Amino acid sequence: MRNSRALAVSAVAVAALGLAAPTAAAWTEPSNIVALPSVIARGGQLTITVDGTACQMPGSTVSSSAFPTTKLTSMGGSSATAKVTVNSNAAPGTYDITANCGENKSLTKPGAFTVIGGVRGGLGGSSSSGATPTDMAIGGGLVAAALLGGGLFWMRRRSEKRI
């Protein structure tokens, strides 16, 4: 009696697993999206890899609001890849990537990569109007001190030769 009960439970478990397996496989197409590097500057190149055999079909694409829609290229195995260039006017922040593969199979990875703002170039603290009066006074004082020191040194050397 116990053996038949265990056998019945095992049969039900195997049947449930067998029926769920095709459904689980359908949920995993595509299964993962990886963007490298995960932090990039505007105008930089991003490599996107999507796992799933459905993404190897012609017409599979990746898209984001930070770059134009791009076709995926099969890598063999069960992955596809795309190289994209981030828009030069993309705002700093995190961006999602959506992979559209095969027959209406899609996956969106939220926060897949981050765009950082460019370094704000500038004058580095200098003024664009030239030297200020304070700069001129300091420079003039340094030149006068150099002339005075050089003159004293030269005069001292001349007097040493006469001894």
N, C-alpha and C. Protein backbone atom coordinates (compact mmCIF):
# COMPACT_ATOMS: atom_id res chain seq x y z
N MET A 1 0.82 -1.19 0.00
CA MET A 1 0.00 0.00 0.00
C MET A 1 0.87 1.26 0.00
N ARG A 2 1.90 1.23 0.85
CA ARG A 2 2.78 2.40 0.91
C ARG A 2 3.51 2.59 -0.42
N ASN A 3 3.94 1.53 -1.03
CA ASN A 3 4.67 1.63 -2.28
C ASN A 3 3.78 2.18 -3.39
N SER A 4 2.54 1.78 -3.42
CA SER A 4 1.66 2.28 -4.46
C SER A 4 1.33 3.76 -4.25
N ARG A 5 1.26 4.18 -2.99
CA ARG A 5 1.00 5.59 -2.70
C ARG A 5 2.21 6.44 -3.12
N ALA A 6 3.41 5.99 -2.80
CA ALA A 6 4.63 6.70 -3.19
C ALA A 6 4.77 6.73 -4.70
N LEU A 7 4.40 5.64 -5.34
CA LEU A 7 4.46 5.56 -6.79
C LEU A 7 3.48 6.54 -7.43
N ALA A 8 2.29 6.66 -6.87
CA ALA A 8 1.29 7.59 -7.40
C ALA A 8 1.73 9.04 -7.24
N VAL A 9 2.31 9.37 -6.07
CA VAL A 9 2.80 10.74 -5.83
C VAL A 9 3.94 11.05 -6.79
N SER A 10 4.83 10.11 -7.01
CA SER A 10 5.95 10.32 -7.93
C SER A 10 5.44 10.52 -9.35
N ALA A 11 4.44 9.75 -9.75
CA ALA A 11 3.89 9.88 -11.11
C ALA A 11 3.25 11.25 -11.30
N VAL A 12 2.53 11.73 -10.31
CA VAL A 12 1.90 13.05 -10.40
C VAL A 12 2.97 14.14 -10.47
N ALA A 13 4.03 14.02 -9.67
CA ALA A 13 5.11 15.02 -9.68
C ALA A 13 5.80 15.05 -11.03
N VAL A 14 6.09 13.88 -11.60
CA VAL A 14 6.75 13.82 -12.90
C VAL A 14 5.83 14.39 -13.99
N ALA A 15 4.56 14.09 -13.92
CA ALA A 15 3.62 14.63 -14.91
C ALA A 15 3.53 16.15 -14.82
N ALA A 16 3.48 16.69 -13.60
CA ALA A 16 3.42 18.14 -13.44
C ALA A 16 4.69 18.79 -13.95
N LEU A 17 5.82 18.19 -13.68
CA LEU A 17 7.10 18.72 -14.17
C LEU A 17 7.15 18.65 -15.70
N GLY A 18 6.69 17.56 -16.26
CA GLY A 18 6.68 17.39 -17.72
C GLY A 18 5.79 18.41 -18.40
N LEU A 19 4.65 18.73 -17.80
CA LEU A 19 3.75 19.71 -18.39
C LEU A 19 4.26 21.14 -18.22
N ALA A 20 4.99 21.39 -17.15
CA ALA A 20 5.50 22.75 -16.88
C ALA A 20 6.76 23.06 -17.65
N ALA A 21 7.52 22.06 -18.06
CA ALA A 21 8.80 22.29 -18.73
C ALA A 21 8.67 23.09 -20.02
N PRO A 22 7.73 22.76 -20.93
CA PRO A 22 7.63 23.58 -22.15
C PRO A 22 7.24 25.03 -21.85
N THR A 23 6.40 25.22 -20.85
CA THR A 23 6.00 26.57 -20.47
C THR A 23 7.19 27.34 -19.92
N ALA A 24 8.01 26.70 -19.09
CA ALA A 24 9.19 27.35 -18.52
C ALA A 24 10.18 27.71 -19.60
N ALA A 25 10.33 26.84 -20.60
CA ALA A 25 11.27 27.13 -21.69
C ALA A 25 10.79 28.33 -22.49
N ALA A 26 9.48 28.48 -22.66
CA ALA A 26 8.95 29.61 -23.41
C ALA A 26 9.15 30.91 -22.66
N TRP A 27 9.18 30.86 -21.34
CA TRP A 27 9.39 32.07 -20.56
C TRP A 27 10.83 32.55 -20.60
N THR A 28 11.76 31.70 -20.98
CA THR A 28 13.17 32.06 -20.91
C THR A 28 13.71 32.57 -22.24
N GLU A 29 12.87 32.89 -23.19
CA GLU A 29 13.34 33.37 -24.48
C GLU A 29 12.97 34.83 -24.67
N PRO A 30 13.82 35.75 -24.72
CA PRO A 30 15.21 35.76 -24.28
C PRO A 30 15.30 35.71 -22.76
N SER A 31 16.45 35.28 -22.26
CA SER A 31 16.54 35.06 -20.81
C SER A 31 17.36 36.11 -20.08
N ASN A 32 18.30 36.78 -20.74
CA ASN A 32 19.17 37.72 -20.02
C ASN A 32 19.73 38.75 -21.00
N ILE A 33 19.92 39.96 -20.50
CA ILE A 33 20.54 41.03 -21.28
C ILE A 33 21.70 41.58 -20.47
N VAL A 34 22.89 41.65 -21.11
CA VAL A 34 24.07 42.19 -20.45
C VAL A 34 24.62 43.32 -21.30
N ALA A 35 24.87 44.47 -20.69
CA ALA A 35 25.46 45.62 -21.37
C ALA A 35 26.84 45.89 -20.77
N LEU A 36 27.86 45.94 -21.62
CA LEU A 36 29.22 46.21 -21.16
C LEU A 36 29.80 47.35 -21.96
N PRO A 37 30.40 48.33 -21.37
CA PRO A 37 30.50 48.55 -19.93
C PRO A 37 29.16 49.01 -19.36
N SER A 38 29.00 48.83 -18.09
CA SER A 38 27.71 49.18 -17.48
C SER A 38 27.60 50.68 -17.21
N VAL A 39 28.73 51.38 -17.21
CA VAL A 39 28.75 52.84 -17.07
C VAL A 39 29.52 53.39 -18.27
N ILE A 40 28.90 54.32 -18.98
CA ILE A 40 29.50 54.80 -20.23
C ILE A 40 29.23 56.28 -20.41
N ALA A 41 30.13 56.96 -21.09
CA ALA A 41 29.94 58.38 -21.40
C ALA A 41 29.13 58.51 -22.68
N ARG A 42 28.52 59.66 -22.87
CA ARG A 42 27.78 59.93 -24.10
C ARG A 42 28.70 59.77 -25.30
N GLY A 43 28.19 59.15 -26.36
CA GLY A 43 28.98 58.95 -27.56
C GLY A 43 29.85 57.70 -27.51
N GLY A 44 29.85 56.98 -26.40
CA GLY A 44 30.67 55.78 -26.25
C GLY A 44 30.00 54.57 -26.89
N GLN A 45 30.80 53.51 -27.08
CA GLN A 45 30.28 52.28 -27.71
C GLN A 45 29.98 51.24 -26.64
N LEU A 46 28.83 50.63 -26.77
CA LEU A 46 28.29 49.67 -25.80
C LEU A 46 28.13 48.33 -26.50
N THR A 47 28.54 47.24 -25.84
CA THR A 47 28.32 45.90 -26.37
C THR A 47 27.20 45.25 -25.58
N ILE A 48 26.16 44.82 -26.28
CA ILE A 48 25.00 44.21 -25.64
C ILE A 48 24.93 42.75 -26.05
N THR A 49 24.82 41.87 -25.05
CA THR A 49 24.68 40.44 -25.30
C THR A 49 23.33 39.99 -24.76
N VAL A 50 22.59 39.24 -25.58
CA VAL A 50 21.27 38.74 -25.20
C VAL A 50 21.32 37.21 -25.28
N ASP A 51 20.93 36.55 -24.19
CA ASP A 51 20.89 35.09 -24.16
C ASP A 51 19.52 34.61 -24.61
N GLY A 52 19.51 33.57 -25.42
CA GLY A 52 18.26 32.97 -25.89
C GLY A 52 18.36 32.64 -27.37
N THR A 53 17.96 31.44 -27.72
CA THR A 53 18.05 31.02 -29.13
C THR A 53 17.10 31.80 -30.03
N ALA A 54 16.01 32.32 -29.49
CA ALA A 54 15.07 33.10 -30.31
C ALA A 54 15.73 34.37 -30.81
N CYS A 55 16.74 34.88 -30.11
CA CYS A 55 17.40 36.13 -30.51
C CYS A 55 18.38 35.94 -31.65
N GLN A 56 18.61 34.70 -32.06
CA GLN A 56 19.49 34.44 -33.20
C GLN A 56 18.73 34.49 -34.52
N MET A 57 17.43 34.62 -34.43
CA MET A 57 16.61 34.68 -35.64
C MET A 57 16.79 36.03 -36.33
N PRO A 58 16.72 36.06 -37.67
CA PRO A 58 16.83 37.34 -38.38
C PRO A 58 15.73 38.31 -37.94
N GLY A 59 16.09 39.55 -37.84
CA GLY A 59 15.12 40.57 -37.44
C GLY A 59 15.09 40.83 -35.95
N SER A 60 15.90 40.11 -35.16
CA SER A 60 15.95 40.36 -33.72
C SER A 60 16.71 41.65 -33.46
N THR A 61 16.21 42.46 -32.53
CA THR A 61 16.80 43.78 -32.29
C THR A 61 16.90 44.07 -30.80
N VAL A 62 17.73 45.08 -30.49
CA VAL A 62 17.78 45.67 -29.15
C VAL A 62 17.50 47.15 -29.31
N SER A 63 16.85 47.73 -28.31
CA SER A 63 16.54 49.16 -28.39
C SER A 63 16.57 49.78 -27.00
N SER A 64 16.76 51.09 -26.99
CA SER A 64 16.77 51.88 -25.77
C SER A 64 16.54 53.33 -26.17
N SER A 65 16.18 54.14 -25.21
CA SER A 65 16.02 55.56 -25.54
C SER A 65 17.36 56.27 -25.64
N ALA A 66 18.46 55.58 -25.29
CA ALA A 66 19.79 56.18 -25.35
C ALA A 66 20.53 55.85 -26.64
N PHE A 67 20.03 54.91 -27.45
CA PHE A 67 20.67 54.57 -28.72
C PHE A 67 19.61 54.10 -29.70
N PRO A 68 19.93 54.12 -31.00
CA PRO A 68 18.94 53.69 -32.00
C PRO A 68 18.76 52.17 -31.97
N THR A 69 17.61 51.70 -32.46
CA THR A 69 17.33 50.27 -32.55
C THR A 69 18.39 49.63 -33.44
N THR A 70 18.96 48.51 -32.95
CA THR A 70 20.07 47.86 -33.64
C THR A 70 19.80 46.37 -33.77
N LYS A 71 20.18 45.78 -34.91
CA LYS A 71 19.98 44.35 -35.14
C LYS A 71 20.99 43.54 -34.32
N LEU A 72 20.53 42.40 -33.84
CA LEU A 72 21.39 41.47 -33.12
C LEU A 72 22.07 40.54 -34.11
N THR A 73 23.30 40.13 -33.79
CA THR A 73 24.08 39.21 -34.60
C THR A 73 24.31 37.95 -33.79
N SER A 74 24.09 36.77 -34.40
CA SER A 74 24.26 35.50 -33.69
C SER A 74 25.72 35.29 -33.32
N MET A 75 25.94 34.80 -32.10
CA MET A 75 27.30 34.49 -31.62
C MET A 75 27.53 32.98 -31.62
N GLY A 76 26.57 32.21 -32.06
CA GLY A 76 26.65 30.76 -31.94
C GLY A 76 26.19 30.39 -30.55
N GLY A 77 25.96 29.13 -30.33
CA GLY A 77 25.44 28.73 -29.03
C GLY A 77 24.03 29.26 -28.87
N SER A 78 23.78 29.96 -27.80
CA SER A 78 22.43 30.49 -27.56
C SER A 78 22.47 31.96 -27.22
N SER A 79 23.40 32.71 -27.82
CA SER A 79 23.52 34.14 -27.54
C SER A 79 23.60 34.93 -28.83
N ALA A 80 23.23 36.20 -28.72
CA ALA A 80 23.35 37.14 -29.83
C ALA A 80 23.91 38.44 -29.26
N THR A 81 24.57 39.21 -30.11
CA THR A 81 25.21 40.44 -29.63
C THR A 81 24.97 41.59 -30.60
N ALA A 82 25.15 42.80 -30.07
CA ALA A 82 25.06 44.01 -30.89
C ALA A 82 26.00 45.05 -30.31
N LYS A 83 26.63 45.83 -31.20
CA LYS A 83 27.45 46.96 -30.77
C LYS A 83 26.69 48.23 -31.13
N VAL A 84 26.46 49.06 -30.12
CA VAL A 84 25.69 50.29 -30.33
C VAL A 84 26.51 51.48 -29.85
N THR A 85 26.20 52.64 -30.39
CA THR A 85 26.83 53.88 -29.95
C THR A 85 25.77 54.71 -29.23
N VAL A 86 26.09 55.10 -28.01
CA VAL A 86 25.17 55.90 -27.21
C VAL A 86 25.06 57.29 -27.84
N ASN A 87 23.86 57.81 -27.92
CA ASN A 87 23.63 59.14 -28.51
C ASN A 87 24.46 60.19 -27.78
N SER A 88 25.01 61.12 -28.54
CA SER A 88 25.83 62.17 -27.93
C SER A 88 25.00 63.15 -27.12
N ASN A 89 23.70 63.15 -27.32
CA ASN A 89 22.82 64.05 -26.55
C ASN A 89 22.03 63.30 -25.48
N ALA A 90 22.44 62.07 -25.15
CA ALA A 90 21.74 61.30 -24.11
C ALA A 90 21.95 61.98 -22.75
N ALA A 91 20.89 62.11 -22.01
CA ALA A 91 20.98 62.73 -20.68
C ALA A 91 21.62 61.74 -19.70
N PRO A 92 22.38 62.24 -18.74
CA PRO A 92 22.95 61.34 -17.73
C PRO A 92 21.84 60.62 -16.95
N GLY A 93 22.08 59.36 -16.63
CA GLY A 93 21.10 58.57 -15.88
C GLY A 93 21.14 57.11 -16.30
N THR A 94 20.24 56.31 -15.72
CA THR A 94 20.17 54.89 -16.06
C THR A 94 19.15 54.67 -17.16
N TYR A 95 19.43 53.67 -18.00
CA TYR A 95 18.58 53.38 -19.15
C TYR A 95 18.23 51.90 -19.20
N ASP A 96 17.03 51.62 -19.70
CA ASP A 96 16.57 50.24 -19.91
C ASP A 96 16.97 49.80 -21.31
N ILE A 97 17.09 48.48 -21.47
CA ILE A 97 17.31 47.89 -22.79
C ILE A 97 16.19 46.88 -23.03
N THR A 98 15.60 46.91 -24.23
CA THR A 98 14.58 45.95 -24.61
C THR A 98 15.09 45.12 -25.79
N ALA A 99 15.03 43.81 -25.64
CA ALA A 99 15.39 42.89 -26.72
C ALA A 99 14.10 42.34 -27.33
N ASN A 100 13.93 42.47 -28.63
CA ASN A 100 12.79 41.91 -29.36
C ASN A 100 13.33 40.79 -30.24
N CYS A 101 12.97 39.56 -29.88
CA CYS A 101 13.54 38.39 -30.55
C CYS A 101 12.46 37.49 -31.11
N GLY A 102 12.80 36.84 -32.24
CA GLY A 102 11.94 35.81 -32.80
C GLY A 102 10.53 36.28 -33.04
N GLU A 103 9.60 35.44 -32.67
CA GLU A 103 8.19 35.71 -32.91
C GLU A 103 7.56 36.40 -31.71
N ASN A 104 7.68 37.70 -31.66
CA ASN A 104 7.09 38.52 -30.60
C ASN A 104 7.55 38.15 -29.20
N LYS A 105 8.79 37.75 -29.06
CA LYS A 105 9.35 37.45 -27.75
C LYS A 105 10.24 38.63 -27.37
N SER A 106 9.96 39.21 -26.22
CA SER A 106 10.75 40.37 -25.82
C SER A 106 11.08 40.30 -24.33
N LEU A 107 12.13 41.02 -23.98
CA LEU A 107 12.57 41.11 -22.59
C LEU A 107 13.14 42.51 -22.39
N THR A 108 12.75 43.15 -21.30
CA THR A 108 13.28 44.46 -20.95
C THR A 108 14.07 44.33 -19.66
N LYS A 109 15.31 44.83 -19.70
CA LYS A 109 16.13 44.85 -18.50
C LYS A 109 16.18 46.29 -18.00
N PRO A 110 15.52 46.56 -16.86
CA PRO A 110 15.54 47.92 -16.34
C PRO A 110 16.92 48.27 -15.76
N GLY A 111 17.34 49.49 -15.97
CA GLY A 111 18.62 49.96 -15.42
C GLY A 111 19.79 49.16 -15.93
N ALA A 112 19.80 48.80 -17.22
CA ALA A 112 20.84 47.95 -17.78
C ALA A 112 22.20 48.64 -17.85
N PHE A 113 22.20 49.96 -18.05
CA PHE A 113 23.47 50.70 -18.09
C PHE A 113 23.22 52.14 -17.66
N THR A 114 24.31 52.82 -17.36
CA THR A 114 24.23 54.20 -16.88
C THR A 114 25.06 55.09 -17.78
N VAL A 115 24.48 56.19 -18.20
CA VAL A 115 25.20 57.20 -18.99
C VAL A 115 25.63 58.30 -18.02
N ILE A 116 26.93 58.61 -18.08
CA ILE A 116 27.45 59.68 -17.23
C ILE A 116 27.64 60.92 -18.08
N GLY A 117 27.53 62.07 -17.44
CA GLY A 117 27.72 63.32 -18.15
C GLY A 117 29.18 63.55 -18.40
N GLY A 118 29.50 64.28 -19.46
CA GLY A 118 30.89 64.60 -19.76
C GLY A 118 31.44 65.59 -18.77
N VAL A 119 32.74 65.64 -18.71
CA VAL A 119 33.40 66.60 -17.83
C VAL A 119 33.21 67.97 -18.43
N ARG A 120 32.82 68.89 -17.61
CA ARG A 120 32.59 70.24 -18.11
C ARG A 120 33.93 70.95 -18.23
N GLY A 121 34.37 71.15 -19.45
CA GLY A 121 35.64 71.83 -19.69
C GLY A 121 35.49 73.32 -19.48
N GLY A 122 36.56 73.96 -19.16
CA GLY A 122 36.49 75.40 -18.94
C GLY A 122 37.87 76.00 -18.91
N LEU A 123 37.97 77.12 -18.30
CA LEU A 123 39.23 77.83 -18.26
C LEU A 123 40.10 77.42 -17.08
N GLY A 124 39.59 76.58 -16.20
CA GLY A 124 40.41 76.09 -15.10
C GLY A 124 40.77 77.15 -14.09
N GLY A 125 39.95 78.16 -13.92
CA GLY A 125 40.22 79.19 -12.93
C GLY A 125 40.90 80.42 -13.48
N SER A 126 41.34 80.37 -14.73
CA SER A 126 41.99 81.56 -15.28
C SER A 126 40.92 82.54 -15.74
N SER A 127 41.34 83.75 -15.94
CA SER A 127 40.39 84.75 -16.42
C SER A 127 40.57 84.93 -17.91
N SER A 128 39.52 85.26 -18.58
CA SER A 128 39.60 85.42 -20.03
C SER A 128 39.94 86.85 -20.42
N SER A 129 40.04 87.75 -19.45
CA SER A 129 40.30 89.15 -19.77
C SER A 129 41.77 89.52 -19.62
N GLY A 130 42.65 88.55 -19.37
CA GLY A 130 44.07 88.83 -19.22
C GLY A 130 44.46 88.96 -17.76
N ALA A 131 45.67 89.48 -17.54
CA ALA A 131 46.20 89.60 -16.19
C ALA A 131 45.51 90.74 -15.44
N THR A 132 45.25 90.52 -14.18
CA THR A 132 44.65 91.54 -13.33
C THR A 132 45.75 92.46 -12.81
N PRO A 133 45.41 93.62 -12.26
CA PRO A 133 46.43 94.49 -11.68
C PRO A 133 47.24 93.81 -10.57
N THR A 134 46.60 92.94 -9.81
CA THR A 134 47.33 92.22 -8.76
C THR A 134 48.36 91.30 -9.38
N ASP A 135 48.00 90.59 -10.44
CA ASP A 135 48.95 89.71 -11.13
C ASP A 135 50.14 90.51 -11.66
N MET A 136 49.87 91.68 -12.20
CA MET A 136 50.94 92.52 -12.75
C MET A 136 51.88 92.99 -11.64
N ALA A 137 51.33 93.37 -10.49
CA ALA A 137 52.16 93.84 -9.38
C ALA A 137 53.04 92.72 -8.84
N ILE A 138 52.49 91.54 -8.70
CA ILE A 138 53.28 90.40 -8.21
C ILE A 138 54.38 90.06 -9.20
N GLY A 139 54.04 89.99 -10.47
CA GLY A 139 55.04 89.68 -11.50
C GLY A 139 56.13 90.74 -11.56
N GLY A 140 55.74 92.01 -11.50
CA GLY A 140 56.74 93.08 -11.52
C GLY A 140 57.67 93.02 -10.31
N GLY A 141 57.11 92.69 -9.15
CA GLY A 141 57.94 92.56 -7.95
C GLY A 141 58.93 91.42 -8.06
N LEU A 142 58.50 90.31 -8.63
CA LEU A 142 59.42 89.18 -8.82
C LEU A 142 60.54 89.51 -9.80
N VAL A 143 60.21 90.21 -10.89
CA VAL A 143 61.23 90.60 -11.86
C VAL A 143 62.22 91.58 -11.22
N ALA A 144 61.73 92.56 -10.44
CA ALA A 144 62.62 93.52 -9.78
C ALA A 144 63.54 92.81 -8.78
N ALA A 145 63.01 91.86 -8.03
CA ALA A 145 63.83 91.12 -7.06
C ALA A 145 64.90 90.31 -7.78
N ALA A 146 64.55 89.73 -8.92
CA ALA A 146 65.53 88.95 -9.68
C ALA A 146 66.64 89.85 -10.23
N LEU A 147 66.27 91.01 -10.75
CA LEU A 147 67.27 91.94 -11.25
C LEU A 147 68.19 92.44 -10.14
N LEU A 148 67.63 92.79 -9.01
CA LEU A 148 68.41 93.28 -7.87
C LEU A 148 69.36 92.19 -7.37
N GLY A 149 68.83 90.97 -7.21
CA GLY A 149 69.66 89.86 -6.73
C GLY A 149 70.75 89.51 -7.72
N GLY A 150 70.44 89.50 -9.01
CA GLY A 150 71.44 89.21 -10.03
C GLY A 150 72.51 90.29 -10.09
N GLY A 151 72.09 91.56 -9.97
CA GLY A 151 73.06 92.67 -9.99
C GLY A 151 74.00 92.60 -8.81
N LEU A 152 73.48 92.34 -7.61
CA LEU A 152 74.34 92.22 -6.42
C LEU A 152 75.32 91.07 -6.56
N PHE A 153 74.86 89.96 -7.08
CA PHE A 153 75.73 88.80 -7.26
C PHE A 153 76.84 89.12 -8.26
N TRP A 154 76.49 89.79 -9.35
CA TRP A 154 77.47 90.12 -10.37
C TRP A 154 78.51 91.12 -9.83
N MET A 155 78.05 92.14 -9.08
CA MET A 155 78.97 93.14 -8.51
C MET A 155 79.91 92.49 -7.50
N ARG A 156 79.41 91.57 -6.71
CA ARG A 156 80.24 90.88 -5.71
C ARG A 156 81.31 90.05 -6.40
N ARG A 157 80.99 89.39 -7.48
CA ARG A 157 81.95 88.56 -8.20
C ARG A 157 83.03 89.44 -8.83
N ARG A 158 82.68 90.64 -9.30
CA ARG A 158 83.66 91.53 -9.89
C ARG A 158 84.66 92.00 -8.86
N SER A 159 84.19 92.29 -7.65
CA SER A 159 85.10 92.80 -6.63
C SER A 159 86.02 91.71 -6.09
N GLU A 160 85.63 90.45 -6.18
CA GLU A 160 86.48 89.36 -5.70
C GLU A 160 87.69 89.19 -6.59
N LYS A 161 87.60 89.49 -7.87
CA LYS A 161 88.72 89.32 -8.81
C LYS A 161 89.81 90.34 -8.56
N ARG A 162 89.54 91.47 -7.95
CA ARG A 162 90.53 92.53 -7.71
C ARG A 162 91.40 92.23 -6.49
N ILE A 163 91.01 91.35 -5.66
CA ILE A 163 91.79 91.07 -4.44
C ILE A 163 92.98 90.21 -4.71
